[in-house]
Amino acid sequence: MISKIRNEKQYHQVMAMIEGYLQKATDGGGFHALSQQEADELEKLSLLAERYEDEEMKLMPMPVTLSAMVEAKKEELGVTQKGLASILGIGAPKLSQILNGKRDPDVNFLKSLHQKLGIDGNFILERV
């Protein structure tokens, strides 16, 4: 059992384990479907994840603008602006214009941000 999450890879592994236990509980009709050992491990994993989020993720401030969020997603994915445009299904010039404030984002672009990049819809709506 992991005693401390040391990096993002371990964090994602722990989150996958938590998701597995939650899925078992959901499929089984509730948390009583988990054995006592599984319930104890779920609790420990949840605390580890929470501690990692509190200590490590707070160092990365949430972007405040739509452009900053898109840039952060681009970095997270490790793609170029051209690669990001391809993911979003638009041309690189259009993406550049939107990110530089020279063009207003259209509904299709905003939908792509939500669907393809997983940006929260409320975040998007509050910033357009």
N, C-alpha and C. Protein backbone atom coordinates (compact mmCIF):
# COMPACT_ATOMS: atom_id res chain seq x y z
N MET A 1 0.85 -1.20 0.00
CA MET A 1 0.00 0.00 0.00
C MET A 1 0.88 1.24 0.00
N ILE A 2 0.55 2.19 -0.83
CA ILE A 2 1.28 3.45 -0.93
C ILE A 2 1.07 4.24 0.36
N SER A 3 2.16 4.83 0.87
CA SER A 3 2.04 5.63 2.09
C SER A 3 1.99 7.13 1.79
N LYS A 4 2.48 7.51 0.61
CA LYS A 4 2.42 8.91 0.20
C LYS A 4 2.47 8.97 -1.32
N ILE A 5 1.66 9.84 -1.89
CA ILE A 5 1.68 10.06 -3.33
C ILE A 5 2.78 11.07 -3.61
N ARG A 6 3.73 10.66 -4.46
CA ARG A 6 4.90 11.50 -4.70
C ARG A 6 4.88 12.23 -6.05
N ASN A 7 4.03 11.79 -6.96
CA ASN A 7 3.99 12.45 -8.26
C ASN A 7 2.62 12.26 -8.90
N GLU A 8 2.42 12.92 -10.02
CA GLU A 8 1.11 12.90 -10.69
C GLU A 8 0.75 11.50 -11.19
N LYS A 9 1.76 10.74 -11.62
CA LYS A 9 1.50 9.38 -12.09
C LYS A 9 0.92 8.53 -10.95
N GLN A 10 1.53 8.61 -9.77
CA GLN A 10 1.00 7.86 -8.63
C GLN A 10 -0.39 8.36 -8.25
N TYR A 11 -0.59 9.65 -8.35
CA TYR A 11 -1.91 10.22 -8.05
C TYR A 11 -2.97 9.60 -8.96
N HIS A 12 -2.67 9.51 -10.26
CA HIS A 12 -3.64 8.94 -11.21
C HIS A 12 -3.85 7.45 -10.94
N GLN A 13 -2.81 6.75 -10.51
CA GLN A 13 -2.96 5.34 -10.15
C GLN A 13 -3.89 5.18 -8.95
N VAL A 14 -3.69 6.03 -7.95
CA VAL A 14 -4.54 5.99 -6.76
C VAL A 14 -5.98 6.33 -7.13
N MET A 15 -6.15 7.33 -7.99
CA MET A 15 -7.51 7.71 -8.39
C MET A 15 -8.19 6.58 -9.15
N ALA A 16 -7.43 5.83 -9.94
CA ALA A 16 -8.00 4.68 -10.66
C ALA A 16 -8.43 3.60 -9.68
N MET A 17 -7.65 3.39 -8.63
CA MET A 17 -8.02 2.40 -7.62
C MET A 17 -9.29 2.84 -6.87
N ILE A 18 -9.35 4.13 -6.55
CA ILE A 18 -10.54 4.67 -5.88
C ILE A 18 -11.75 4.48 -6.78
N GLU A 19 -11.59 4.81 -8.05
CA GLU A 19 -12.70 4.67 -9.01
C GLU A 19 -13.17 3.22 -9.08
N GLY A 20 -12.23 2.27 -9.02
CA GLY A 20 -12.59 0.85 -9.03
C GLY A 20 -13.46 0.47 -7.85
N TYR A 21 -13.08 0.94 -6.67
CA TYR A 21 -13.88 0.66 -5.48
C TYR A 21 -15.25 1.34 -5.56
N LEU A 22 -15.27 2.57 -6.04
CA LEU A 22 -16.55 3.27 -6.17
C LEU A 22 -17.46 2.59 -7.18
N GLN A 23 -16.87 2.09 -8.27
CA GLN A 23 -17.65 1.38 -9.27
C GLN A 23 -18.23 0.10 -8.68
N LYS A 24 -17.43 -0.61 -7.91
CA LYS A 24 -17.90 -1.84 -7.26
C LYS A 24 -19.07 -1.53 -6.32
N ALA A 25 -18.93 -0.44 -5.58
CA ALA A 25 -20.00 -0.06 -4.66
C ALA A 25 -21.26 0.32 -5.44
N THR A 26 -21.08 1.03 -6.54
CA THR A 26 -22.22 1.44 -7.36
C THR A 26 -22.91 0.23 -7.98
N ASP A 27 -22.10 -0.68 -8.53
CA ASP A 27 -22.66 -1.87 -9.17
C ASP A 27 -23.31 -2.80 -8.15
N GLY A 28 -22.77 -2.80 -6.94
CA GLY A 28 -23.26 -3.72 -5.91
C GLY A 28 -24.39 -3.16 -5.06
N GLY A 29 -24.83 -1.96 -5.34
CA GLY A 29 -25.95 -1.39 -4.61
C GLY A 29 -25.57 -0.54 -3.41
N GLY A 30 -24.30 -0.28 -3.20
CA GLY A 30 -23.88 0.58 -2.11
C GLY A 30 -22.56 0.14 -1.51
N PHE A 31 -22.11 0.91 -0.53
CA PHE A 31 -20.80 0.63 0.05
C PHE A 31 -20.77 -0.66 0.85
N HIS A 32 -21.93 -1.19 1.22
CA HIS A 32 -21.95 -2.48 1.93
C HIS A 32 -21.49 -3.62 1.03
N ALA A 33 -21.39 -3.35 -0.30
CA ALA A 33 -20.91 -4.36 -1.23
C ALA A 33 -19.39 -4.54 -1.11
N LEU A 34 -18.71 -3.58 -0.47
CA LEU A 34 -17.27 -3.67 -0.26
C LEU A 34 -16.98 -4.46 1.01
N SER A 35 -15.91 -5.26 0.96
CA SER A 35 -15.48 -5.94 2.18
C SER A 35 -14.91 -4.90 3.13
N GLN A 36 -14.73 -5.26 4.38
CA GLN A 36 -14.17 -4.32 5.35
C GLN A 36 -12.77 -3.88 4.92
N GLN A 37 -11.99 -4.82 4.39
CA GLN A 37 -10.64 -4.51 3.92
C GLN A 37 -10.69 -3.52 2.76
N GLU A 38 -11.62 -3.71 1.83
CA GLU A 38 -11.76 -2.80 0.70
C GLU A 38 -12.21 -1.42 1.16
N ALA A 39 -13.15 -1.39 2.10
CA ALA A 39 -13.62 -0.11 2.62
C ALA A 39 -12.49 0.64 3.33
N ASP A 40 -11.67 -0.08 4.08
CA ASP A 40 -10.54 0.54 4.77
C ASP A 40 -9.53 1.08 3.77
N GLU A 41 -9.26 0.29 2.71
CA GLU A 41 -8.30 0.73 1.69
C GLU A 41 -8.84 1.94 0.94
N LEU A 42 -10.14 1.94 0.63
CA LEU A 42 -10.76 3.08 -0.04
C LEU A 42 -10.59 4.34 0.80
N GLU A 43 -10.80 4.23 2.10
CA GLU A 43 -10.66 5.38 2.99
C GLU A 43 -9.22 5.88 2.99
N LYS A 44 -8.25 4.97 3.08
CA LYS A 44 -6.83 5.36 3.10
C LYS A 44 -6.43 6.00 1.77
N LEU A 45 -6.87 5.41 0.67
CA LEU A 45 -6.55 5.97 -0.65
C LEU A 45 -7.15 7.36 -0.81
N SER A 46 -8.38 7.52 -0.33
CA SER A 46 -9.05 8.83 -0.44
C SER A 46 -8.28 9.89 0.35
N LEU A 47 -7.80 9.52 1.53
CA LEU A 47 -7.03 10.47 2.34
C LEU A 47 -5.70 10.82 1.67
N LEU A 48 -5.05 9.81 1.08
CA LEU A 48 -3.80 10.07 0.35
C LEU A 48 -4.04 11.03 -0.81
N ALA A 49 -5.10 10.79 -1.57
CA ALA A 49 -5.41 11.64 -2.71
C ALA A 49 -5.74 13.06 -2.24
N GLU A 50 -6.49 13.16 -1.18
CA GLU A 50 -6.86 14.47 -0.65
C GLU A 50 -5.62 15.23 -0.19
N ARG A 51 -4.72 14.55 0.49
CA ARG A 51 -3.49 15.18 0.97
C ARG A 51 -2.64 15.66 -0.21
N TYR A 52 -2.53 14.82 -1.24
CA TYR A 52 -1.76 15.21 -2.43
C TYR A 52 -2.39 16.43 -3.10
N GLU A 53 -3.70 16.42 -3.25
CA GLU A 53 -4.40 17.55 -3.86
C GLU A 53 -4.18 18.83 -3.06
N ASP A 54 -4.27 18.72 -1.74
CA ASP A 54 -4.08 19.90 -0.88
C ASP A 54 -2.65 20.43 -0.95
N GLU A 55 -1.67 19.53 -0.97
CA GLU A 55 -0.27 19.95 -0.92
C GLU A 55 0.29 20.32 -2.28
N GLU A 56 -0.01 19.54 -3.29
CA GLU A 56 0.62 19.73 -4.59
C GLU A 56 -0.21 20.53 -5.58
N MET A 57 -1.49 20.27 -5.63
CA MET A 57 -2.31 20.90 -6.65
C MET A 57 -2.66 22.34 -6.33
N LYS A 58 -2.56 22.72 -5.07
CA LYS A 58 -2.85 24.12 -4.75
C LYS A 58 -1.74 25.04 -5.25
N LEU A 59 -0.57 24.44 -5.57
CA LEU A 59 0.53 25.24 -6.09
C LEU A 59 0.27 25.69 -7.52
N MET A 60 -0.66 25.01 -8.18
CA MET A 60 -1.00 25.37 -9.55
C MET A 60 -2.31 26.15 -9.54
N PRO A 61 -2.25 27.47 -9.60
CA PRO A 61 -3.48 28.25 -9.54
C PRO A 61 -4.37 27.98 -10.75
N MET A 62 -5.64 28.04 -10.51
CA MET A 62 -6.62 27.83 -11.58
C MET A 62 -6.56 29.02 -12.52
N PRO A 63 -6.44 28.76 -13.82
CA PRO A 63 -6.45 29.87 -14.78
C PRO A 63 -7.73 30.69 -14.65
N VAL A 64 -7.61 31.99 -14.83
CA VAL A 64 -8.78 32.85 -14.64
C VAL A 64 -9.44 33.27 -15.95
N THR A 65 -8.74 33.11 -17.06
CA THR A 65 -9.34 33.46 -18.34
C THR A 65 -9.50 32.20 -19.19
N LEU A 66 -10.36 32.27 -20.15
CA LEU A 66 -10.58 31.15 -21.05
C LEU A 66 -9.30 30.84 -21.84
N SER A 67 -8.63 31.89 -22.30
CA SER A 67 -7.38 31.68 -23.03
C SER A 67 -6.33 31.00 -22.17
N ALA A 68 -6.22 31.42 -20.91
CA ALA A 68 -5.24 30.81 -20.01
C ALA A 68 -5.58 29.34 -19.76
N MET A 69 -6.87 29.03 -19.66
CA MET A 69 -7.28 27.64 -19.44
C MET A 69 -6.93 26.79 -20.67
N VAL A 70 -7.18 27.33 -21.84
CA VAL A 70 -6.85 26.59 -23.07
C VAL A 70 -5.34 26.38 -23.16
N GLU A 71 -4.57 27.39 -22.82
CA GLU A 71 -3.11 27.26 -22.82
C GLU A 71 -2.66 26.20 -21.81
N ALA A 72 -3.29 26.19 -20.64
CA ALA A 72 -2.95 25.19 -19.62
C ALA A 72 -3.26 23.78 -20.11
N LYS A 73 -4.39 23.62 -20.78
CA LYS A 73 -4.76 22.31 -21.35
C LYS A 73 -3.78 21.90 -22.43
N LYS A 74 -3.33 22.87 -23.23
CA LYS A 74 -2.34 22.59 -24.28
C LYS A 74 -1.06 22.06 -23.65
N GLU A 75 -0.61 22.70 -22.58
CA GLU A 75 0.60 22.25 -21.88
C GLU A 75 0.39 20.88 -21.25
N GLU A 76 -0.77 20.69 -20.64
CA GLU A 76 -1.10 19.42 -20.00
C GLU A 76 -1.06 18.27 -21.01
N LEU A 77 -1.56 18.52 -22.20
CA LEU A 77 -1.59 17.51 -23.25
C LEU A 77 -0.24 17.36 -23.95
N GLY A 78 0.63 18.35 -23.77
CA GLY A 78 1.94 18.30 -24.40
C GLY A 78 1.89 18.44 -25.91
N VAL A 79 0.98 19.29 -26.38
CA VAL A 79 0.83 19.49 -27.82
C VAL A 79 1.16 20.93 -28.18
N THR A 80 1.42 21.14 -29.45
CA THR A 80 1.63 22.48 -29.97
C THR A 80 0.27 23.14 -30.18
N GLN A 81 0.29 24.42 -30.49
CA GLN A 81 -0.96 25.10 -30.78
C GLN A 81 -1.62 24.50 -32.01
N LYS A 82 -0.81 24.11 -32.99
CA LYS A 82 -1.35 23.46 -34.19
C LYS A 82 -1.97 22.12 -33.82
N GLY A 83 -1.32 21.37 -32.95
CA GLY A 83 -1.86 20.08 -32.50
C GLY A 83 -3.16 20.27 -31.74
N LEU A 84 -3.22 21.31 -30.92
CA LEU A 84 -4.44 21.59 -30.17
C LEU A 84 -5.58 21.97 -31.12
N ALA A 85 -5.26 22.76 -32.12
CA ALA A 85 -6.27 23.14 -33.11
C ALA A 85 -6.83 21.89 -33.79
N SER A 86 -5.95 20.95 -34.08
CA SER A 86 -6.39 19.70 -34.71
C SER A 86 -7.32 18.92 -33.78
N ILE A 87 -6.97 18.85 -32.51
CA ILE A 87 -7.83 18.17 -31.53
C ILE A 87 -9.20 18.81 -31.48
N LEU A 88 -9.22 20.14 -31.53
CA LEU A 88 -10.47 20.88 -31.46
C LEU A 88 -11.24 20.89 -32.78
N GLY A 89 -10.59 20.46 -33.84
CA GLY A 89 -11.26 20.41 -35.13
C GLY A 89 -11.38 21.76 -35.82
N ILE A 90 -10.41 22.65 -35.54
CA ILE A 90 -10.41 23.97 -36.18
C ILE A 90 -9.02 24.23 -36.75
N GLY A 91 -8.92 25.28 -37.54
CA GLY A 91 -7.64 25.67 -38.09
C GLY A 91 -6.78 26.38 -37.06
N ALA A 92 -5.46 26.24 -37.20
CA ALA A 92 -4.54 26.89 -36.27
C ALA A 92 -4.68 28.42 -36.27
N PRO A 93 -4.90 29.05 -37.44
CA PRO A 93 -5.07 30.52 -37.42
C PRO A 93 -6.29 30.95 -36.59
N LYS A 94 -7.38 30.21 -36.71
CA LYS A 94 -8.59 30.55 -35.94
C LYS A 94 -8.30 30.43 -34.45
N LEU A 95 -7.64 29.36 -34.04
CA LEU A 95 -7.31 29.19 -32.62
C LEU A 95 -6.42 30.33 -32.14
N SER A 96 -5.43 30.67 -32.93
CA SER A 96 -4.53 31.77 -32.57
C SER A 96 -5.29 33.08 -32.40
N GLN A 97 -6.18 33.36 -33.32
CA GLN A 97 -6.97 34.60 -33.24
C GLN A 97 -7.84 34.63 -31.99
N ILE A 98 -8.46 33.50 -31.66
CA ILE A 98 -9.32 33.44 -30.48
C ILE A 98 -8.48 33.64 -29.22
N LEU A 99 -7.35 32.92 -29.13
CA LEU A 99 -6.52 33.00 -27.93
C LEU A 99 -5.89 34.38 -27.75
N ASN A 100 -5.68 35.10 -28.85
CA ASN A 100 -5.09 36.44 -28.77
C ASN A 100 -6.14 37.55 -28.70
N GLY A 101 -7.42 37.18 -28.60
CA GLY A 101 -8.48 38.16 -28.44
C GLY A 101 -8.83 38.91 -29.71
N LYS A 102 -8.38 38.41 -30.85
CA LYS A 102 -8.68 39.08 -32.12
C LYS A 102 -9.94 38.55 -32.77
N ARG A 103 -10.50 37.51 -32.18
CA ARG A 103 -11.71 36.90 -32.71
C ARG A 103 -12.50 36.33 -31.54
N ASP A 104 -13.80 36.52 -31.56
CA ASP A 104 -14.65 35.97 -30.51
C ASP A 104 -14.85 34.48 -30.75
N PRO A 105 -14.85 33.69 -29.67
CA PRO A 105 -15.10 32.25 -29.84
C PRO A 105 -16.55 32.00 -30.23
N ASP A 106 -16.76 31.06 -31.15
CA ASP A 106 -18.12 30.71 -31.54
C ASP A 106 -18.60 29.52 -30.71
N VAL A 107 -19.86 29.19 -30.84
CA VAL A 107 -20.47 28.13 -30.05
C VAL A 107 -19.78 26.78 -30.29
N ASN A 108 -19.46 26.48 -31.55
CA ASN A 108 -18.80 25.21 -31.85
C ASN A 108 -17.44 25.10 -31.16
N PHE A 109 -16.70 26.21 -31.14
CA PHE A 109 -15.41 26.23 -30.45
C PHE A 109 -15.60 25.98 -28.96
N LEU A 110 -16.56 26.66 -28.37
CA LEU A 110 -16.82 26.50 -26.93
C LEU A 110 -17.27 25.08 -26.59
N LYS A 111 -18.09 24.50 -27.46
CA LYS A 111 -18.51 23.10 -27.26
C LYS A 111 -17.31 22.16 -27.34
N SER A 112 -16.40 22.42 -28.26
CA SER A 112 -15.21 21.59 -28.38
C SER A 112 -14.33 21.68 -27.14
N LEU A 113 -14.23 22.88 -26.57
CA LEU A 113 -13.45 23.03 -25.34
C LEU A 113 -14.01 22.13 -24.24
N HIS A 114 -15.31 22.12 -24.17
CA HIS A 114 -15.97 21.31 -23.13
C HIS A 114 -15.86 19.82 -23.44
N GLN A 115 -16.20 19.44 -24.65
CA GLN A 115 -16.26 18.02 -25.01
C GLN A 115 -14.90 17.39 -25.22
N LYS A 116 -14.00 18.10 -25.85
CA LYS A 116 -12.72 17.49 -26.24
C LYS A 116 -11.59 17.76 -25.24
N LEU A 117 -11.69 18.88 -24.51
CA LEU A 117 -10.66 19.19 -23.52
C LEU A 117 -11.13 19.00 -22.10
N GLY A 118 -12.43 18.79 -21.93
CA GLY A 118 -12.96 18.57 -20.58
C GLY A 118 -13.01 19.82 -19.72
N ILE A 119 -13.05 20.98 -20.34
CA ILE A 119 -13.14 22.22 -19.57
C ILE A 119 -14.59 22.36 -19.09
N ASP A 120 -14.73 22.65 -17.83
CA ASP A 120 -16.04 22.75 -17.20
C ASP A 120 -16.92 23.78 -17.92
N GLY A 121 -18.14 23.38 -18.21
CA GLY A 121 -19.08 24.25 -18.91
C GLY A 121 -19.35 25.54 -18.18
N ASN A 122 -19.46 25.48 -16.85
CA ASN A 122 -19.69 26.70 -16.07
C ASN A 122 -18.51 27.66 -16.20
N PHE A 123 -17.30 27.11 -16.18
CA PHE A 123 -16.11 27.94 -16.36
C PHE A 123 -16.18 28.68 -17.69
N ILE A 124 -16.54 27.94 -18.74
CA ILE A 124 -16.64 28.53 -20.08
C ILE A 124 -17.70 29.62 -20.10
N LEU A 125 -18.89 29.31 -19.60
CA LEU A 125 -20.00 30.28 -19.66
C LEU A 125 -19.71 31.55 -18.86
N GLU A 126 -18.99 31.41 -17.76
CA GLU A 126 -18.69 32.58 -16.94
C GLU A 126 -17.65 33.50 -17.57
N ARG A 127 -16.98 33.00 -18.62
CA ARG A 127 -15.87 33.79 -19.18
C ARG A 127 -16.09 34.22 -20.63
N VAL A 128 -17.27 33.98 -21.18
CA VAL A 128 -17.55 34.48 -22.53
C VAL A 128 -18.56 35.60 -22.49
